[in-house]
C-alpha atoms as a PDB file:
ATOM      1  CA  MET A   1      -7.564  -2.152  -9.952  1.00  0.00           C
ATOM      2  CA  ARG A   2      -4.305  -3.893  -9.179  1.00  0.00           C
ATOM      3  CA  VAL A   3      -1.914  -2.683  -6.461  1.00  0.00           C
ATOM      4  CA  THR A   4       1.743  -3.472  -5.806  1.00  0.00           C
ATOM      5  CA  VAL A   5       4.458  -2.226  -3.445  1.00  0.00           C
ATOM      6  CA  ASP A   6       8.060  -1.852  -4.596  1.00  0.00           C
ATOM      7  CA  HIS A   7      10.039  -3.197  -1.640  1.00  0.00           C
ATOM      8  CA  ASP A   8      13.216  -1.537  -2.899  1.00  0.00           C
ATOM      9  CA  LEU A   9      11.544   1.873  -2.535  1.00  0.00           C
ATOM     10  CA  CYS A  10       9.442   1.246   0.577  1.00  0.00           C
ATOM     11  CA  VAL A  11      10.803   2.912   3.723  1.00  0.00           C
ATOM     12  CA  GLY A  12       8.339   1.288   6.130  1.00  0.00           C
ATOM     13  CA  ALA A  13       6.518   4.485   7.100  1.00  0.00           C
ATOM     14  CA  GLY A  14       3.251   2.541   7.406  1.00  0.00           C
ATOM     15  CA  GLN A  15       0.975   5.253   6.035  1.00  0.00           C
ATOM     16  CA  CYS A  16      -0.599   2.798   3.607  1.00  0.00           C
ATOM     17  CA  VAL A  17      -1.394   0.413   6.461  1.00  0.00           C
ATOM     18  CA  ARG A  18      -3.129   3.223   8.331  1.00  0.00           C
ATOM     19  CA  ALA A  19      -5.084   4.216   5.218  1.00  0.00           C
ATOM     20  CA  ALA A  20      -6.137   0.717   4.126  1.00  0.00           C
ATOM     21  CA  PRO A  21      -5.336  -1.994   6.700  1.00  0.00           C
ATOM     22  CA  GLU A  22      -7.494  -4.465   4.789  1.00  0.00           C
ATOM     23  CA  VAL A  23      -5.152  -4.156   1.794  1.00  0.00           C
ATOM     24  CA  PHE A  24      -1.685  -3.483   3.282  1.00  0.00           C
ATOM     25  CA  GLU A  25       0.363  -4.775   6.206  1.00  0.00           C
ATOM     26  CA  GLN A  26       3.889  -4.226   7.454  1.00  0.00           C
ATOM     27  CA  ARG A  27       6.063  -7.311   7.337  1.00  0.00           C
ATOM     28  CA  ASP A  28       8.526  -8.479   9.949  1.00  0.00           C
ATOM     29  CA  PRO A  29      11.388  -7.890  10.500  1.00  0.00           C
ATOM     30  CA  ASP A  30      12.057  -4.934   8.168  1.00  0.00           C
ATOM     31  CA  GLY A  31       8.684  -3.161   8.551  1.00  0.00           C
ATOM     32  CA  LYS A  32       8.211  -2.740   4.826  1.00  0.00           C
ATOM     33  CA  SER A  33       4.681  -2.832   3.498  1.00  0.00           C
ATOM     34  CA  THR A  34       3.254  -5.758   1.637  1.00  0.00           C
ATOM     35  CA  VAL A  35      -0.039  -6.190  -0.199  1.00  0.00           C
ATOM     36  CA  LEU A  36      -2.714  -8.452   1.283  1.00  0.00           C
ATOM     37  CA  GLN A  37      -5.199  -7.891  -1.555  1.00  0.00           C
ATOM     38  CA  PRO A  38      -3.456  -7.337  -4.924  1.00  0.00           C
ATOM     39  CA  VAL A  39      -6.909  -6.782  -6.420  1.00  0.00           C
ATOM     40  CA  PRO A  40      -8.689  -4.865  -3.656  1.00  0.00           C
ATOM     41  CA  ASP A  41     -12.396  -5.039  -3.057  1.00  0.00           C
ATOM     42  CA  THR A  42     -14.150  -1.983  -4.493  1.00  0.00           C
ATOM     43  CA  ARG A  43     -14.943  -0.631  -1.031  1.00  0.00           C
ATOM     44  CA  TYR A  44     -11.193  -0.207  -0.335  1.00  0.00           C
ATOM     45  CA  GLN A  45     -10.156   1.278  -3.672  1.00  0.00           C
ATOM     46  CA  ALA A  46     -10.510   4.941  -2.656  1.00  0.00           C
ATOM     47  CA  ALA A  47      -8.295   4.369   0.387  1.00  0.00           C
ATOM     48  CA  VAL A  48      -5.718   2.538  -1.747  1.00  0.00           C
ATOM     49  CA  ARG A  49      -5.610   5.422  -4.232  1.00  0.00           C
ATOM     50  CA  GLU A  50      -5.210   7.890  -1.349  1.00  0.00           C
ATOM     51  CA  ALA A  51      -2.348   5.843   0.107  1.00  0.00           C
ATOM     52  CA  ALA A  52      -0.593   5.682  -3.257  1.00  0.00           C
ATOM     53  CA  ALA A  53      -1.108   9.289  -4.317  1.00  0.00           C
ATOM     54  CA  ARG A  54      -0.756  11.231  -1.088  1.00  0.00           C
ATOM     55  CA  MET A  55       0.423   9.170   1.830  1.00  0.00           C
ATOM     56  CA  CYS A  56       3.396   7.068   0.711  1.00  0.00           C
ATOM     57  CA  PRO A  57       6.513   9.199   1.262  1.00  0.00           C
ATOM     58  CA  ALA A  58       8.618   6.934  -0.955  1.00  0.00           C
ATOM     59  CA  ARG A  59       6.049   6.610  -3.761  1.00  0.00           C
ATOM     60  CA  ALA A  60       6.496   2.851  -3.512  1.00  0.00           C
ATOM     61  CA  ILE A  61       2.846   1.982  -4.257  1.00  0.00           C
ATOM     62  CA  THR A  62       1.689   1.416  -7.818  1.00  0.00           C
ATOM     63  CA  VAL A  63      -1.986   1.310  -8.715  1.00  0.00           C
ATOM     64  CA  VAL A  64      -3.087   0.166 -12.167  1.00  0.00           C
ATOM     65  CA  GLY A  65      -6.673   0.437 -13.300  1.00  0.00           C
END
C-alpha cells in the first residue's frame, strides 16, 4: 500500500489524523494533512483505508495497493 494526500484538495478537516495518527499529521500553518508513512505498516492499513474511503470530506487521500 502507498498513500498520498493531494494538498490542493485537502481542506484540513483532520479526520485522517484522528483515524491514523501514526500515518498522517496536520502541517503548520495551513492545517493541511501530510503523510508521515507513505508506505504504512500493515497494522495501520485498515485505518488508512477508512480515512481515505469514509472520513476525508475532500477525498484528498489516495491509496494504491
